[in-house]
Amino acid sequence: MWTVIYIAPNAKTAERIQDKLTQEGFLVKLRQTNIAKEQYEILVPESELDEVQEVLKDILHSSHRYPN
């Protein structure tokens, strides 16, 4: 089962996070939300949830220090 781990504010951010998680070896899907057209859900398999959360935390932390 796929689980939402993050809701990105736009497609560019969602794709950046997807690329970094994929580079780390995780399966990742993006899905546009029904609430706001610009927001994207980032989904991963439930079995990888704990590992992905740790990597995601690092990705989000580094993006605040070094914005694109």
C-alpha atoms as a PDB file:
ATOM      1  CA  MET A   1       0.000   0.000   0.000  1.00  0.00           C
ATOM      2  CA  TRP A   2       1.235   3.502  -0.838  1.00  0.00           C
ATOM      3  CA  THR A   3       1.372   6.134   1.898  1.00  0.00           C
ATOM      4  CA  VAL A   4       1.595   9.933   1.635  1.00  0.00           C
ATOM      5  CA  ILE A   5       4.758  11.156   3.360  1.00  0.00           C
ATOM      6  CA  TYR A   6       4.737  14.799   2.301  1.00  0.00           C
ATOM      7  CA  ILE A   7       2.617  17.341   0.450  1.00  0.00           C
ATOM      8  CA  ALA A   8       4.787  19.556  -1.706  1.00  0.00           C
ATOM      9  CA  PRO A   9       3.657  23.124  -2.446  1.00  0.00           C
ATOM     10  CA  ASN A  10       4.401  22.825  -6.179  1.00  0.00           C
ATOM     11  CA  ALA A  11       5.519  20.424  -8.919  1.00  0.00           C
ATOM     12  CA  LYS A  12       9.147  21.588  -8.896  1.00  0.00           C
ATOM     13  CA  THR A  13       9.553  20.811  -5.197  1.00  0.00           C
ATOM     14  CA  ALA A  14       7.755  17.474  -5.552  1.00  0.00           C
ATOM     15  CA  GLU A  15       9.999  16.435  -8.434  1.00  0.00           C
ATOM     16  CA  ARG A  16      13.148  17.483  -6.571  1.00  0.00           C
ATOM     17  CA  ILE A  17      12.167  15.407  -3.538  1.00  0.00           C
ATOM     18  CA  GLN A  18      11.158  12.483  -5.760  1.00  0.00           C
ATOM     19  CA  ASP A  19      14.544  12.587  -7.528  1.00  0.00           C
ATOM     20  CA  LYS A  20      16.486  12.616  -4.270  1.00  0.00           C
ATOM     21  CA  LEU A  21      14.468   9.784  -2.743  1.00  0.00           C
ATOM     22  CA  THR A  22      14.816   7.745  -5.938  1.00  0.00           C
ATOM     23  CA  GLN A  23      18.592   8.296  -5.866  1.00  0.00           C
ATOM     24  CA  GLU A  24      18.529   6.806  -2.360  1.00  0.00           C
ATOM     25  CA  GLY A  25      16.837   3.691  -3.772  1.00  0.00           C
ATOM     26  CA  PHE A  26      13.227   4.283  -2.734  1.00  0.00           C
ATOM     27  CA  LEU A  27      10.109   3.793  -4.840  1.00  0.00           C
ATOM     28  CA  VAL A  28       8.245   7.101  -5.092  1.00  0.00           C
ATOM     29  CA  LYS A  29       5.011   8.265  -6.737  1.00  0.00           C
ATOM     30  CA  LEU A  30       3.669  11.789  -7.159  1.00  0.00           C
ATOM     31  CA  ARG A  31      -0.030  12.611  -7.197  1.00  0.00           C
ATOM     32  CA  GLN A  32      -1.624  16.007  -7.666  1.00  0.00           C
ATOM     33  CA  THR A  33      -3.995  16.839  -4.816  1.00  0.00           C
ATOM     34  CA  ASN A  34      -7.681  17.502  -5.341  1.00  0.00           C
ATOM     35  CA  ILE A  35      -7.596  20.381  -2.882  1.00  0.00           C
ATOM     36  CA  ALA A  36      -5.074  22.689  -4.534  1.00  0.00           C
ATOM     37  CA  LYS A  37      -3.924  22.266  -8.118  1.00  0.00           C
ATOM     38  CA  GLU A  38      -0.363  23.290  -7.270  1.00  0.00           C
ATOM     39  CA  GLN A  39       0.090  20.812  -4.405  1.00  0.00           C
ATOM     40  CA  TYR A  40       1.491  17.331  -4.938  1.00  0.00           C
ATOM     41  CA  GLU A  41       1.419  14.337  -2.622  1.00  0.00           C
ATOM     42  CA  ILE A  42       4.606  12.321  -2.393  1.00  0.00           C
ATOM     43  CA  LEU A  43       3.833   8.659  -1.810  1.00  0.00           C
ATOM     44  CA  VAL A  44       6.054   5.723  -0.846  1.00  0.00           C
ATOM     45  CA  PRO A  45       5.361   2.072  -0.060  1.00  0.00           C
ATOM     46  CA  GLU A  46       4.201   1.673   3.523  1.00  0.00           C
ATOM     47  CA  SER A  47       6.968  -0.889   4.123  1.00  0.00           C
ATOM     48  CA  GLU A  48       9.627   1.799   3.491  1.00  0.00           C
ATOM     49  CA  LEU A  49       7.944   4.510   5.552  1.00  0.00           C
ATOM     50  CA  ASP A  50      10.349   4.646   8.518  1.00  0.00           C
ATOM     51  CA  GLU A  51      13.472   4.690   6.353  1.00  0.00           C
ATOM     52  CA  VAL A  52      12.067   7.274   3.954  1.00  0.00           C
ATOM     53  CA  GLN A  53      11.045   9.612   6.782  1.00  0.00           C
ATOM     54  CA  GLU A  54      14.669   9.818   7.967  1.00  0.00           C
ATOM     55  CA  VAL A  55      15.958  10.591   4.469  1.00  0.00           C
ATOM     56  CA  LEU A  56      13.130  13.065   3.828  1.00  0.00           C
ATOM     57  CA  LYS A  57      13.996  14.913   7.016  1.00  0.00           C
ATOM     58  CA  ASP A  58      17.563  15.369   5.727  1.00  0.00           C
ATOM     59  CA  ILE A  59      16.329  16.475   2.289  1.00  0.00           C
ATOM     60  CA  LEU A  60      13.962  19.068   3.745  1.00  0.00           C
ATOM     61  CA  HIS A  61      16.579  20.303   6.210  1.00  0.00           C
ATOM     62  CA  SER A  62      19.210  20.751   3.494  1.00  0.00           C
ATOM     63  CA  SER A  63      16.748  22.544   1.194  1.00  0.00           C
ATOM     64  CA  HIS A  64      16.188  25.186   3.865  1.00  0.00           C
ATOM     65  CA  ARG A  65      19.923  25.808   4.143  1.00  0.00           C
ATOM     66  CA  TYR A  66      20.556  25.813   0.395  1.00  0.00           C
ATOM     67  CA  PRO A  67      17.390  26.873  -1.438  1.00  0.00           C
ATOM     68  CA  ASN A  68      17.255  26.279  -5.198  1.00  0.00           C
END
